[in-house]
């Protein structure tokens, strides 16, 4: 099924109808493959699907938020990156024990870089 989805969506297209039966792991894999294929718009669609479909998986939400912010950072869309990172960091105010530490560390590093450069 995953191979079929990858073939249907192609390298540079943005999925408009992501199959409902994809697992969290499949969505993450498709998002990462999209980033690797330099198709950030597709990656954003898959990460958004994770946020929409798995809102109670706080580790997945934290990962998706970080990755969405990082894509915007790489695009020099620093305002949107800041918004995503701030949303991610707010999760740690109430849920720090239920989500991995690495997204917070990396988000803070990139926010500092944005601030230091005056962006």
PDB file of N, CA and C in Angstrom:
ATOM      1  N   UNK A   1       0.817  -1.195   0.000  1.00  0.00           N
ATOM      2  CA  UNK A   1       0.000   0.000   0.000  1.00  0.00           C
ATOM      3  C   UNK A   1       0.861   1.260   0.000  1.00  0.00           C
ATOM      4  N   UNK A   2       1.915   1.262   0.800  1.00  0.00           N
ATOM      5  CA  UNK A   2       2.780   2.430   0.886  1.00  0.00           C
ATOM      6  C   UNK A   2       3.442   2.711  -0.451  1.00  0.00           C
ATOM      7  N   UNK A   3       3.927   1.671  -1.103  1.00  0.00           N
ATOM      8  CA  UNK A   3       4.573   1.851  -2.395  1.00  0.00           C
ATOM      9  C   UNK A   3       3.587   2.430  -3.406  1.00  0.00           C
ATOM     10  N   UNK A   4       2.368   1.952  -3.379  1.00  0.00           N
ATOM     11  CA  UNK A   4       1.342   2.472  -4.282  1.00  0.00           C
ATOM     12  C   UNK A   4       1.119   3.962  -4.017  1.00  0.00           C
ATOM     13  N   UNK A   5       1.050   4.344  -2.750  1.00  0.00           N
ATOM     14  CA  UNK A   5       0.839   5.756  -2.415  1.00  0.00           C
ATOM     15  C   UNK A   5       1.990   6.609  -2.920  1.00  0.00           C
ATOM     16  N   UNK A   6       3.209   6.123  -2.743  1.00  0.00           N
ATOM     17  CA  UNK A   6       4.371   6.881  -3.206  1.00  0.00           C
ATOM     18  C   UNK A   6       4.337   7.030  -4.717  1.00  0.00           C
ATOM     19  N   UNK A   7       4.016   5.953  -5.416  1.00  0.00           N
ATOM     20  CA  UNK A   7       3.959   6.016  -6.873  1.00  0.00           C
ATOM     21  C   UNK A   7       2.847   6.945  -7.354  1.00  0.00           C
ATOM     22  N   UNK A   8       1.715   6.910  -6.679  1.00  0.00           N
ATOM     23  CA  UNK A   8       0.606   7.778  -7.071  1.00  0.00           C
ATOM     24  C   UNK A   8       0.931   9.248  -6.879  1.00  0.00           C
ATOM     25  N   UNK A   9       1.636   9.552  -5.810  1.00  0.00           N
ATOM     26  CA  UNK A   9       1.903  10.953  -5.509  1.00  0.00           C
ATOM     27  C   UNK A   9       3.102  11.492  -6.258  1.00  0.00           C
ATOM     28  N   UNK A  10       3.985  10.644  -6.713  1.00  0.00           N
ATOM     29  CA  UNK A  10       5.133  11.076  -7.483  1.00  0.00           C
ATOM     30  C   UNK A  10       6.123  11.867  -6.654  1.00  0.00           C
ATOM     31  N   UNK A  11       7.161  12.316  -7.317  1.00  0.00           N
ATOM     32  CA  UNK A  11       8.265  12.975  -6.619  1.00  0.00           C
ATOM     33  C   UNK A  11       7.956  14.424  -6.261  1.00  0.00           C
ATOM     34  N   UNK A  12       7.294  15.155  -7.138  1.00  0.00           N
ATOM     35  CA  UNK A  12       7.164  16.592  -6.923  1.00  0.00           C
ATOM     36  C   UNK A  12       5.728  17.048  -6.732  1.00  0.00           C
ATOM     37  N   UNK A  13       4.801  16.143  -6.625  1.00  0.00           N
ATOM     38  CA  UNK A  13       3.412  16.540  -6.476  1.00  0.00           C
ATOM     39  C   UNK A  13       3.059  16.710  -5.004  1.00  0.00           C
ATOM     40  N   UNK A  14       1.987  17.395  -4.783  1.00  0.00           N
ATOM     41  CA  UNK A  14       1.474  17.570  -3.429  1.00  0.00           C
ATOM     42  C   UNK A  14       0.205  16.742  -3.319  1.00  0.00           C
ATOM     43  N   UNK A  15       0.139  15.860  -2.338  1.00  0.00           N
ATOM     44  CA  UNK A  15      -1.057  15.028  -2.221  1.00  0.00           C
ATOM     45  C   UNK A  15      -2.272  15.865  -1.859  1.00  0.00           C
ATOM     46  N   UNK A  16      -3.354  15.640  -2.572  1.00  0.00           N
ATOM     47  CA  UNK A  16      -4.595  16.346  -2.276  1.00  0.00           C
ATOM     48  C   UNK A  16      -5.570  15.464  -1.522  1.00  0.00           C
ATOM     49  N   UNK A  17      -5.364  14.171  -1.596  1.00  0.00           N
ATOM     50  CA  UNK A  17      -6.248  13.218  -0.923  1.00  0.00           C
ATOM     51  C   UNK A  17      -5.388  12.108  -0.321  1.00  0.00           C
ATOM     52  N   UNK A  18      -4.954  12.308   0.895  1.00  0.00           N
ATOM     53  CA  UNK A  18      -4.104  11.325   1.575  1.00  0.00           C
ATOM     54  C   UNK A  18      -5.013  10.212   2.098  1.00  0.00           C
ATOM     55  N   UNK A  19      -4.730   8.964   1.716  1.00  0.00           N
ATOM     56  CA  UNK A  19      -5.602   7.865   2.163  1.00  0.00           C
ATOM     57  C   UNK A  19      -5.771   7.835   3.678  1.00  0.00           C
ATOM     58  N   UNK A  20      -7.011   7.638   4.102  1.00  0.00           N
ATOM     59  CA  UNK A  20      -7.336   7.623   5.526  1.00  0.00           C
ATOM     60  C   UNK A  20      -6.733   6.447   6.268  1.00  0.00           C
ATOM     61  N   UNK A  21      -6.406   5.375   5.558  1.00  0.00           N
ATOM     62  CA  UNK A  21      -5.928   4.175   6.226  1.00  0.00           C
ATOM     63  C   UNK A  21      -4.417   4.143   6.451  1.00  0.00           C
ATOM     64  N   UNK A  22      -3.712   5.215   6.108  1.00  0.00           N
ATOM     65  CA  UNK A  22      -2.275   5.241   6.352  1.00  0.00           C
ATOM     66  C   UNK A  22      -2.003   5.307   7.853  1.00  0.00           C
ATOM     67  N   UNK A  23      -1.028   4.539   8.289  1.00  0.00           N
ATOM     68  CA  UNK A  23      -0.650   4.549   9.695  1.00  0.00           C
ATOM     69  C   UNK A  23       0.220   5.765   9.983  1.00  0.00           C
ATOM     70  N   UNK A  24       0.425   6.012  11.252  1.00  0.00           N
ATOM     71  CA  UNK A  24       1.323   7.091  11.660  1.00  0.00           C
ATOM     72  C   UNK A  24       2.705   6.876  11.056  1.00  0.00           C
ATOM     73  N   UNK A  25       3.202   5.660  11.134  1.00  0.00           N
ATOM     74  CA  UNK A  25       4.524   5.353  10.580  1.00  0.00           C
ATOM     75  C   UNK A  25       4.601   5.605   9.086  1.00  0.00           C
ATOM     76  N   UNK A  26       3.542   5.263   8.368  1.00  0.00           N
ATOM     77  CA  UNK A  26       3.523   5.500   6.929  1.00  0.00           C
ATOM     78  C   UNK A  26       3.501   6.989   6.613  1.00  0.00           C
ATOM     79  N   UNK A  27       2.732   7.754   7.379  1.00  0.00           N
ATOM     80  CA  UNK A  27       2.698   9.206   7.154  1.00  0.00           C
ATOM     81  C   UNK A  27       4.059   9.836   7.427  1.00  0.00           C
ATOM     82  N   UNK A  28       4.701   9.407   8.499  1.00  0.00           N
ATOM     83  CA  UNK A  28       6.038   9.930   8.805  1.00  0.00           C
ATOM     84  C   UNK A  28       7.007   9.577   7.689  1.00  0.00           C
ATOM     85  N   UNK A  29       6.949   8.324   7.228  1.00  0.00           N
ATOM     86  CA  UNK A  29       7.840   7.896   6.153  1.00  0.00           C
ATOM     87  C   UNK A  29       7.603   8.703   4.880  1.00  0.00           C
ATOM     88  N   UNK A  30       6.348   8.903   4.520  1.00  0.00           N
ATOM     89  CA  UNK A  30       6.039   9.692   3.327  1.00  0.00           C
ATOM     90  C   UNK A  30       6.507  11.136   3.470  1.00  0.00           C
ATOM     91  N   UNK A  31       6.344  11.690   4.654  1.00  0.00           N
ATOM     92  CA  UNK A  31       6.812  13.066   4.889  1.00  0.00           C
ATOM     93  C   UNK A  31       8.324  13.144   4.745  1.00  0.00           C
ATOM     94  N   UNK A  32       9.028  12.199   5.345  1.00  0.00           N
ATOM     95  CA  UNK A  32      10.491  12.213   5.267  1.00  0.00           C
ATOM     96  C   UNK A  32      10.972  11.985   3.836  1.00  0.00           C
ATOM     97  N   UNK A  33      10.312  11.077   3.126  1.00  0.00           N
ATOM     98  CA  UNK A  33      10.683  10.847   1.728  1.00  0.00           C
ATOM     99  C   UNK A  33      10.424  12.095   0.891  1.00  0.00           C
ATOM    100  N   UNK A  34       9.375  12.822   1.202  1.00  0.00           N
ATOM    101  CA  UNK A  34       9.087  14.063   0.481  1.00  0.00           C
ATOM    102  C   UNK A  34      10.169  15.107   0.731  1.00  0.00           C
ATOM    103  N   UNK A  35      10.615  15.206   1.973  1.00  0.00           N
ATOM    104  CA  UNK A  35      11.714  16.130   2.280  1.00  0.00           C
ATOM    105  C   UNK A  35      12.961  15.714   1.515  1.00  0.00           C
ATOM    106  N   UNK A  36      13.271  14.420   1.550  1.00  0.00           N
ATOM    107  CA  UNK A  36      14.453  13.916   0.848  1.00  0.00           C
ATOM    108  C   UNK A  36      14.380  14.174  -0.651  1.00  0.00           C
ATOM    109  N   UNK A  37      13.163  14.144  -1.209  1.00  0.00           N
ATOM    110  CA  UNK A  37      12.960  14.388  -2.636  1.00  0.00           C
ATOM    111  C   UNK A  37      12.833  15.878  -2.948  1.00  0.00           C
ATOM    112  N   UNK A  38      13.103  16.705  -1.956  1.00  0.00           N
ATOM    113  CA  UNK A  38      13.018  18.161  -2.089  1.00  0.00           C
ATOM    114  C   UNK A  38      11.621  18.591  -2.525  1.00  0.00           C
ATOM    115  N   UNK A  39      10.629  17.988  -1.867  1.00  0.00           N
ATOM    116  CA  UNK A  39       9.237  18.334  -2.102  1.00  0.00           C
ATOM    117  C   UNK A  39       8.617  18.737  -0.761  1.00  0.00           C
ATOM    118  N   UNK A  40       8.988  19.918  -0.257  1.00  0.00           N
ATOM    119  CA  UNK A  40       8.518  20.315   1.069  1.00  0.00           C
ATOM    120  C   UNK A  40       7.007  20.505   1.161  1.00  0.00           C
ATOM    121  N   UNK A  41       6.354  20.867   0.072  1.00  0.00           N
ATOM    122  CA  UNK A  41       4.902  21.040   0.136  1.00  0.00           C
ATOM    123  C   UNK A  41       4.202  19.718   0.414  1.00  0.00           C
ATOM    124  N   UNK A  42       4.684  18.656  -0.186  1.00  0.00           N
ATOM    125  CA  UNK A  42       4.122  17.334   0.108  1.00  0.00           C
ATOM    126  C   UNK A  42       4.409  16.964   1.552  1.00  0.00           C
ATOM    127  N   UNK A  43       5.630  17.220   2.014  1.00  0.00           N
ATOM    128  CA  UNK A  43       5.975  16.920   3.408  1.00  0.00           C
ATOM    129  C   UNK A  43       5.055  17.668   4.358  1.00  0.00           C
ATOM    130  N   UNK A  44       4.797  18.932   4.067  1.00  0.00           N
ATOM    131  CA  UNK A  44       3.888  19.709   4.916  1.00  0.00           C
ATOM    132  C   UNK A  44       2.497  19.074   4.955  1.00  0.00           C
ATOM    133  N   UNK A  45       2.031  18.584   3.824  1.00  0.00           N
ATOM    134  CA  UNK A  45       0.712  17.945   3.785  1.00  0.00           C
ATOM    135  C   UNK A  45       0.685  16.687   4.651  1.00  0.00           C
ATOM    136  N   UNK A  46       1.748  15.888   4.587  1.00  0.00           N
ATOM    137  CA  UNK A  46       1.795  14.667   5.401  1.00  0.00           C
ATOM    138  C   UNK A  46       1.921  14.996   6.884  1.00  0.00           C
ATOM    139  N   UNK A  47       2.744  15.978   7.226  1.00  0.00           N
ATOM    140  CA  UNK A  47       2.862  16.355   8.639  1.00  0.00           C
ATOM    141  C   UNK A  47       1.542  16.937   9.159  1.00  0.00           C
ATOM    142  N   UNK A  48       0.849  17.687   8.329  1.00  0.00           N
ATOM    143  CA  UNK A  48      -0.462  18.204   8.741  1.00  0.00           C
ATOM    144  C   UNK A  48      -1.444  17.059   8.948  1.00  0.00           C
ATOM    145  N   UNK A  49      -1.365  16.043   8.114  1.00  0.00           N
ATOM    146  CA  UNK A  49      -2.227  14.871   8.288  1.00  0.00           C
ATOM    147  C   UNK A  49      -1.945  14.194   9.629  1.00  0.00           C
ATOM    148  N   UNK A  50      -0.687  14.173  10.036  1.00  0.00           N
ATOM    149  CA  UNK A  50      -0.349  13.611  11.352  1.00  0.00           C
ATOM    150  C   UNK A  50      -1.030  14.425  12.445  1.00  0.00           C
ATOM    151  N   UNK A  51      -0.943  15.750  12.352  1.00  0.00           N
ATOM    152  CA  UNK A  51      -1.582  16.607  13.356  1.00  0.00           C
ATOM    153  C   UNK A  51      -3.089  16.389  13.386  1.00  0.00           C
ATOM    154  N   UNK A  52      -3.680  16.240  12.221  1.00  0.00           N
ATOM    155  CA  UNK A  52      -5.135  16.086  12.132  1.00  0.00           C
ATOM    156  C   UNK A  52      -5.613  14.712  12.598  1.00  0.00           C
ATOM    157  N   UNK A  53      -4.855  13.687  12.255  1.00  0.00           N
ATOM    158  CA  UNK A  53      -5.313  12.316  12.497  1.00  0.00           C
ATOM    159  C   UNK A  53      -4.843  11.702  13.811  1.00  0.00           C
ATOM    160  N   UNK A  54      -3.765  12.224  14.358  1.00  0.00           N
ATOM    161  CA  UNK A  54      -3.198  11.630  15.571  1.00  0.00           C
ATOM    162  C   UNK A  54      -2.968  12.689  16.656  1.00  0.00           C
ATOM    163  N   UNK A  55      -3.989  13.510  16.965  1.00  0.00           N
ATOM    164  CA  UNK A  55      -3.785  14.602  17.919  1.00  0.00           C
ATOM    165  C   UNK A  55      -3.480  14.135  19.345  1.00  0.00           C
ATOM    166  N   UNK A  56      -3.822  12.910  19.666  1.00  0.00           N
ATOM    167  CA  UNK A  56      -3.570  12.406  21.020  1.00  0.00           C
ATOM    168  C   UNK A  56      -2.201  11.761  21.172  1.00  0.00           C
ATOM    169  N   UNK A  57      -1.507  11.551  20.068  1.00  0.00           N
ATOM    170  CA  UNK A  57      -0.140  11.025  20.130  1.00  0.00           C
ATOM    171  C   UNK A  57       0.788  12.224  20.256  1.00  0.00           C
ATOM    172  N   UNK A  58       1.054  12.603  21.469  1.00  0.00           N
ATOM    173  CA  UNK A  58       1.771  13.857  21.727  1.00  0.00           C
ATOM    174  C   UNK A  58       3.197  13.840  21.184  1.00  0.00           C
ATOM    175  N   UNK A  59       3.848  12.692  21.184  1.00  0.00           N
ATOM    176  CA  UNK A  59       5.191  12.608  20.602  1.00  0.00           C
ATOM    177  C   UNK A  59       5.120  12.853  19.097  1.00  0.00           C
ATOM    178  N   UNK A  60       4.109  12.290  18.435  1.00  0.00           N
ATOM    179  CA  UNK A  60       3.949  12.497  16.996  1.00  0.00           C
ATOM    180  C   UNK A  60       3.619  13.955  16.693  1.00  0.00           C
ATOM    181  N   UNK A  61       2.778  14.559  17.519  1.00  0.00           N
ATOM    182  CA  UNK A  61       2.425  15.963  17.329  1.00  0.00           C
ATOM    183  C   UNK A  61       3.661  16.843  17.496  1.00  0.00           C
ATOM    184  N   UNK A  62       4.456  16.572  18.512  1.00  0.00           N
ATOM    185  CA  UNK A  62       5.676  17.356  18.732  1.00  0.00           C
ATOM    186  C   UNK A  62       6.628  17.213  17.552  1.00  0.00           C
ATOM    187  N   UNK A  63       6.788  15.993  17.067  1.00  0.00           N
ATOM    188  CA  UNK A  63       7.668  15.762  15.924  1.00  0.00           C
ATOM    189  C   UNK A  63       7.156  16.496  14.694  1.00  0.00           C
ATOM    190  N   UNK A  64       5.865  16.368  14.408  1.00  0.00           N
ATOM    191  CA  UNK A  64       5.293  17.032  13.235  1.00  0.00           C
ATOM    192  C   UNK A  64       5.424  18.551  13.345  1.00  0.00           C
ATOM    193  N   UNK A  65       5.140  19.101  14.524  1.00  0.00           N
ATOM    194  CA  UNK A  65       5.277  20.561  14.716  1.00  0.00           C
ATOM    195  C   UNK A  65       6.711  21.016  14.454  1.00  0.00           C
ATOM    196  N   UNK A  66       7.675  20.256  15.000  1.00  0.00           N
ATOM    197  CA  UNK A  66       9.071  20.631  14.772  1.00  0.00           C
ATOM    198  C   UNK A  66       9.388  20.577  13.275  1.00  0.00           C
ATOM    199  N   UNK A  67       9.025  19.494  12.625  1.00  0.00           N
ATOM    200  CA  UNK A  67       9.362  19.327  11.211  1.00  0.00           C
ATOM    201  C   UNK A  67       8.691  20.396  10.344  1.00  0.00           C
ATOM    202  N   UNK A  68       7.462  20.749  10.647  1.00  0.00           N
ATOM    203  CA  UNK A  68       6.788  21.826   9.916  1.00  0.00           C
ATOM    204  C   UNK A  68       7.552  23.140  10.114  1.00  0.00           C
ATOM    205  N   UNK A  69       7.923  23.425  11.355  1.00  0.00           N
ATOM    206  CA  UNK A  69       8.703  24.630  11.626  1.00  0.00           C
ATOM    207  C   UNK A  69      10.038  24.624  10.901  1.00  0.00           C
ATOM    208  N   UNK A  70      10.681  23.465  10.875  1.00  0.00           N
ATOM    209  CA  UNK A  70      11.986  23.360  10.218  1.00  0.00           C
ATOM    210  C   UNK A  70      11.865  23.576   8.707  1.00  0.00           C
ATOM    211  N   UNK A  71      10.808  23.053   8.104  1.00  0.00           N
ATOM    212  CA  UNK A  71      10.604  23.290   6.672  1.00  0.00           C
ATOM    213  C   UNK A  71      10.451  24.782   6.411  1.00  0.00           C
ATOM    214  N   UNK A  72       9.679  25.469   7.233  1.00  0.00           N
ATOM    215  CA  UNK A  72       9.522  26.917   7.053  1.00  0.00           C
ATOM    216  C   UNK A  72      10.838  27.641   7.307  1.00  0.00           C
ATOM    217  N   UNK A  73      11.607  27.197   8.274  1.00  0.00           N
ATOM    218  CA  UNK A  73      12.918  27.783   8.542  1.00  0.00           C
ATOM    219  C   UNK A  73      13.815  27.659   7.305  1.00  0.00           C
ATOM    220  N   UNK A  74      13.863  26.474   6.720  1.00  0.00           N
ATOM    221  CA  UNK A  74      14.703  26.248   5.535  1.00  0.00           C
ATOM    222  C   UNK A  74      14.241  27.079   4.345  1.00  0.00           C
ATOM    223  N   UNK A  75      12.976  27.437   4.313  1.00  0.00           N
ATOM    224  CA  UNK A  75      12.437  28.274   3.241  1.00  0.00           C
ATOM    225  C   UNK A  75      12.631  29.765   3.520  1.00  0.00           C
ATOM    226  N   UNK A  76      13.267  30.063   4.636  1.00  0.00           N
ATOM    227  CA  UNK A  76      13.447  31.452   5.078  1.00  0.00           C
ATOM    228  C   UNK A  76      12.128  32.128   5.414  1.00  0.00           C
ATOM    229  N   UNK A  77      11.130  31.350   5.738  1.00  0.00           N
ATOM    230  CA  UNK A  77       9.847  31.877   6.203  1.00  0.00           C
ATOM    231  C   UNK A  77       9.914  31.867   7.736  1.00  0.00           C
ATOM    232  N   UNK A  78      10.672  32.807   8.256  1.00  0.00           N
ATOM    233  CA  UNK A  78      11.013  32.794   9.675  1.00  0.00           C
ATOM    234  C   UNK A  78       9.824  33.101  10.574  1.00  0.00           C
ATOM    235  N   UNK A  79       8.895  33.894  10.098  1.00  0.00           N
ATOM    236  CA  UNK A  79       7.720  34.188  10.914  1.00  0.00           C
ATOM    237  C   UNK A  79       6.885  32.927  11.130  1.00  0.00           C
ATOM    238  N   UNK A  80       6.667  32.164  10.053  1.00  0.00           N
ATOM    239  CA  UNK A  80       5.901  30.927  10.189  1.00  0.00           C
ATOM    240  C   UNK A  80       6.683  29.889  10.998  1.00  0.00           C
ATOM    241  N   UNK A  81       7.989  29.838  10.804  1.00  0.00           N
ATOM    242  CA  UNK A  81       8.816  28.921  11.594  1.00  0.00           C
ATOM    243  C   UNK A  81       8.697  29.262  13.077  1.00  0.00           C
ATOM    244  N   UNK A  82       8.785  30.548  13.396  1.00  0.00           N
ATOM    245  CA  UNK A  82       8.662  30.989  14.786  1.00  0.00           C
ATOM    246  C   UNK A  82       7.301  30.589  15.374  1.00  0.00           C
ATOM    247  N   UNK A  83       6.259  30.766  14.594  1.00  0.00           N
ATOM    248  CA  UNK A  83       4.918  30.395  15.051  1.00  0.00           C
ATOM    249  C   UNK A  83       4.848  28.901  15.364  1.00  0.00           C
ATOM    250  N   UNK A  84       5.370  28.082  14.482  1.00  0.00           N
ATOM    251  CA  UNK A  84       5.349  26.628  14.699  1.00  0.00           C
ATOM    252  C   UNK A  84       6.181  26.241  15.916  1.00  0.00           C
ATOM    253  N   UNK A  85       7.363  26.818  16.028  1.00  0.00           N
ATOM    254  CA  UNK A  85       8.228  26.484  17.169  1.00  0.00           C
ATOM    255  C   UNK A  85       7.609  26.952  18.479  1.00  0.00           C
ATOM    256  N   UNK A  86       6.990  28.124  18.477  1.00  0.00           N
ATOM    257  CA  UNK A  86       6.333  28.602  19.696  1.00  0.00           C
ATOM    258  C   UNK A  86       5.175  27.684  20.097  1.00  0.00           C
ATOM    259  N   UNK A  87       4.420  27.214  19.111  1.00  0.00           N
ATOM    260  CA  UNK A  87       3.332  26.273  19.390  1.00  0.00           C
ATOM    261  C   UNK A  87       3.893  24.989  19.979  1.00  0.00           C
ATOM    262  N   UNK A  88       4.968  24.501  19.409  1.00  0.00           N
ATOM    263  CA  UNK A  88       5.624  23.309  19.928  1.00  0.00           C
ATOM    264  C   UNK A  88       6.101  23.534  21.358  1.00  0.00           C
ATOM    265  N   UNK A  89       6.789  24.617  21.606  1.00  0.00           N
ATOM    266  CA  UNK A  89       7.349  24.870  22.936  1.00  0.00           C
ATOM    267  C   UNK A  89       6.265  25.026  23.993  1.00  0.00           C
ATOM    268  N   UNK A  90       5.111  25.538  23.597  1.00  0.00           N
ATOM    269  CA  UNK A  90       4.007  25.666  24.548  1.00  0.00           C
ATOM    270  C   UNK A  90       3.535  24.303  25.045  1.00  0.00           C
ATOM    271  N   UNK A  91       3.713  23.273  24.240  1.00  0.00           N
ATOM    272  CA  UNK A  91       3.340  21.922  24.665  1.00  0.00           C
ATOM    273  C   UNK A  91       4.133  21.497  25.898  1.00  0.00           C
ATOM    274  N   UNK A  92       5.353  21.961  26.001  1.00  0.00           N
ATOM    275  CA  UNK A  92       6.220  21.546  27.108  1.00  0.00           C
ATOM    276  C   UNK A  92       5.809  22.179  28.433  1.00  0.00           C
ATOM    277  N   UNK A  93       4.992  23.218  28.384  1.00  0.00           N
ATOM    278  CA  UNK A  93       4.525  23.846  29.620  1.00  0.00           C
ATOM    279  C   UNK A  93       3.642  22.900  30.427  1.00  0.00           C
ATOM    280  N   UNK A  94       2.898  22.044  29.726  1.00  0.00           N
ATOM    281  CA  UNK A  94       1.967  21.158  30.430  1.00  0.00           C
ATOM    282  C   UNK A  94       2.216  19.673  30.182  1.00  0.00           C
ATOM    283  N   UNK A  95       3.022  19.339  29.184  1.00  0.00           N
ATOM    284  CA  UNK A  95       3.152  17.939  28.788  1.00  0.00           C
ATOM    285  C   UNK A  95       4.600  17.457  28.716  1.00  0.00           C
ATOM    286  N   UNK A  96       5.507  18.116  29.367  1.00  0.00           N
ATOM    287  CA  UNK A  96       6.927  17.808  29.202  1.00  0.00           C
ATOM    288  C   UNK A  96       7.251  16.341  29.414  1.00  0.00           C
ATOM    289  N   UNK A  97       6.586  15.673  30.317  1.00  0.00           N
ATOM    290  CA  UNK A  97       6.900  14.283  30.585  1.00  0.00           C
ATOM    291  C   UNK A  97       6.419  13.316  29.529  1.00  0.00           C
ATOM    292  N   UNK A  98       5.518  13.755  28.664  1.00  0.00           N
ATOM    293  CA  UNK A  98       4.931  12.835  27.690  1.00  0.00           C
ATOM    294  C   UNK A  98       5.464  13.019  26.275  1.00  0.00           C
ATOM    295  N   UNK A  99       6.403  13.934  26.089  1.00  0.00           N
ATOM    296  CA  UNK A  99       6.942  14.163  24.748  1.00  0.00           C
ATOM    297  C   UNK A  99       8.463  14.186  24.804  1.00  0.00           C
ATOM    298  N   UNK A 100       9.095  13.790  23.715  1.00  0.00           N
ATOM    299  CA  UNK A 100      10.564  13.739  23.708  1.00  0.00           C
ATOM    300  C   UNK A 100      11.180  15.133  23.836  1.00  0.00           C
ATOM    301  N   UNK A 101      12.378  15.164  24.327  1.00  0.00           N
ATOM    302  CA  UNK A 101      13.085  16.420  24.566  1.00  0.00           C
ATOM    303  C   UNK A 101      13.692  17.014  23.296  1.00  0.00           C
ATOM    304  N   UNK A 102      14.073  16.172  22.343  1.00  0.00           N
ATOM    305  CA  UNK A 102      14.818  16.674  21.182  1.00  0.00           C
ATOM    306  C   UNK A 102      14.087  17.763  20.391  1.00  0.00           C
ATOM    307  N   UNK A 103      12.751  17.703  20.201  1.00  0.00           N
ATOM    308  CA  UNK A 103      12.130  18.808  19.450  1.00  0.00           C
ATOM    309  C   UNK A 103      12.277  20.161  20.157  1.00  0.00           C
ATOM    310  N   UNK A 104      12.193  20.138  21.495  1.00  0.00           N
ATOM    311  CA  UNK A 104      12.346  21.391  22.241  1.00  0.00           C
ATOM    312  C   UNK A 104      13.759  21.939  22.084  1.00  0.00           C
ATOM    313  N   UNK A 105      14.747  21.079  22.196  1.00  0.00           N
ATOM    314  CA  UNK A 105      16.136  21.520  22.080  1.00  0.00           C
ATOM    315  C   UNK A 105      16.392  22.114  20.697  1.00  0.00           C
ATOM    316  N   UNK A 106      15.978  21.401  19.661  1.00  0.00           N
ATOM    317  CA  UNK A 106      16.223  21.889  18.303  1.00  0.00           C
ATOM    318  C   UNK A 106      15.415  23.142  17.989  1.00  0.00           C
ATOM    319  N   UNK A 107      14.170  23.207  18.447  1.00  0.00           N
ATOM    320  CA  UNK A 107      13.353  24.403  18.212  1.00  0.00           C
ATOM    321  C   UNK A 107      13.975  25.625  18.883  1.00  0.00           C
ATOM    322  N   UNK A 108      14.437  25.453  20.117  1.00  0.00           N
ATOM    323  CA  UNK A 108      15.087  26.571  20.810  1.00  0.00           C
ATOM    324  C   UNK A 108      16.355  27.007  20.089  1.00  0.00           C
ATOM    325  N   UNK A 109      17.110  26.070  19.569  1.00  0.00           N
ATOM    326  CA  UNK A 109      18.330  26.401  18.823  1.00  0.00           C
ATOM    327  C   UNK A 109      18.004  27.222  17.587  1.00  0.00           C
ATOM    328  N   UNK A 110      16.981  26.811  16.844  1.00  0.00           N
ATOM    329  CA  UNK A 110      16.614  27.544  15.631  1.00  0.00           C
ATOM    330  C   UNK A 110      15.970  28.886  15.953  1.00  0.00           C
ATOM    331  N   UNK A 111      15.195  28.965  17.017  1.00  0.00           N
ATOM    332  CA  UNK A 111      14.631  30.258  17.430  1.00  0.00           C
ATOM    333  C   UNK A 111      15.745  31.228  17.812  1.00  0.00           C
ATOM    334  N   UNK A 112      16.766  30.724  18.481  1.00  0.00           N
ATOM    335  CA  UNK A 112      17.910  31.585  18.827  1.00  0.00           C
ATOM    336  C   UNK A 112      18.615  32.068  17.569  1.00  0.00           C
ATOM    337  N   UNK A 113      18.746  31.196  16.596  1.00  0.00           N
ATOM    338  CA  UNK A 113      19.375  31.584  15.336  1.00  0.00           C
ATOM    339  C   UNK A 113      18.560  32.653  14.613  1.00  0.00           C
ATOM    340  N   UNK A 114      17.244  32.490  14.631  1.00  0.00           N
ATOM    341  CA  UNK A 114      16.369  33.500  14.014  1.00  0.00           C
ATOM    342  C   UNK A 114      16.528  34.839  14.744  1.00  0.00           C
ATOM    343  N   UNK A 115      16.521  34.801  16.066  1.00  0.00           N
ATOM    344  CA  UNK A 115      16.636  36.037  16.849  1.00  0.00           C
ATOM    345  C   UNK A 115      18.002  36.684  16.690  1.00  0.00           C
ATOM    346  N   UNK A 116      19.052  35.871  16.714  1.00  0.00           N
ATOM    347  CA  UNK A 116      20.408  36.411  16.611  1.00  0.00           C
ATOM    348  C   UNK A 116      20.660  37.095  15.271  1.00  0.00           C
ATOM    349  N   UNK A 117      20.004  36.620  14.245  1.00  0.00           N
ATOM    350  CA  UNK A 117      20.216  37.199  12.925  1.00  0.00           C
ATOM    351  C   UNK A 117      19.265  38.366  12.644  1.00  0.00           C
ATOM    352  N   UNK A 118      18.372  38.637  13.593  1.00  0.00           N
ATOM    353  CA  UNK A 118      17.432  39.735  13.404  1.00  0.00           C
ATOM    354  C   UNK A 118      16.321  39.429  12.423  1.00  0.00           C
ATOM    355  N   UNK A 119      16.095  38.157  12.192  1.00  0.00           N
ATOM    356  CA  UNK A 119      15.066  37.767  11.209  1.00  0.00           C
ATOM    357  C   UNK A 119      13.717  37.747  11.836  1.00  0.00           C
TER     358      UNK A 119
END
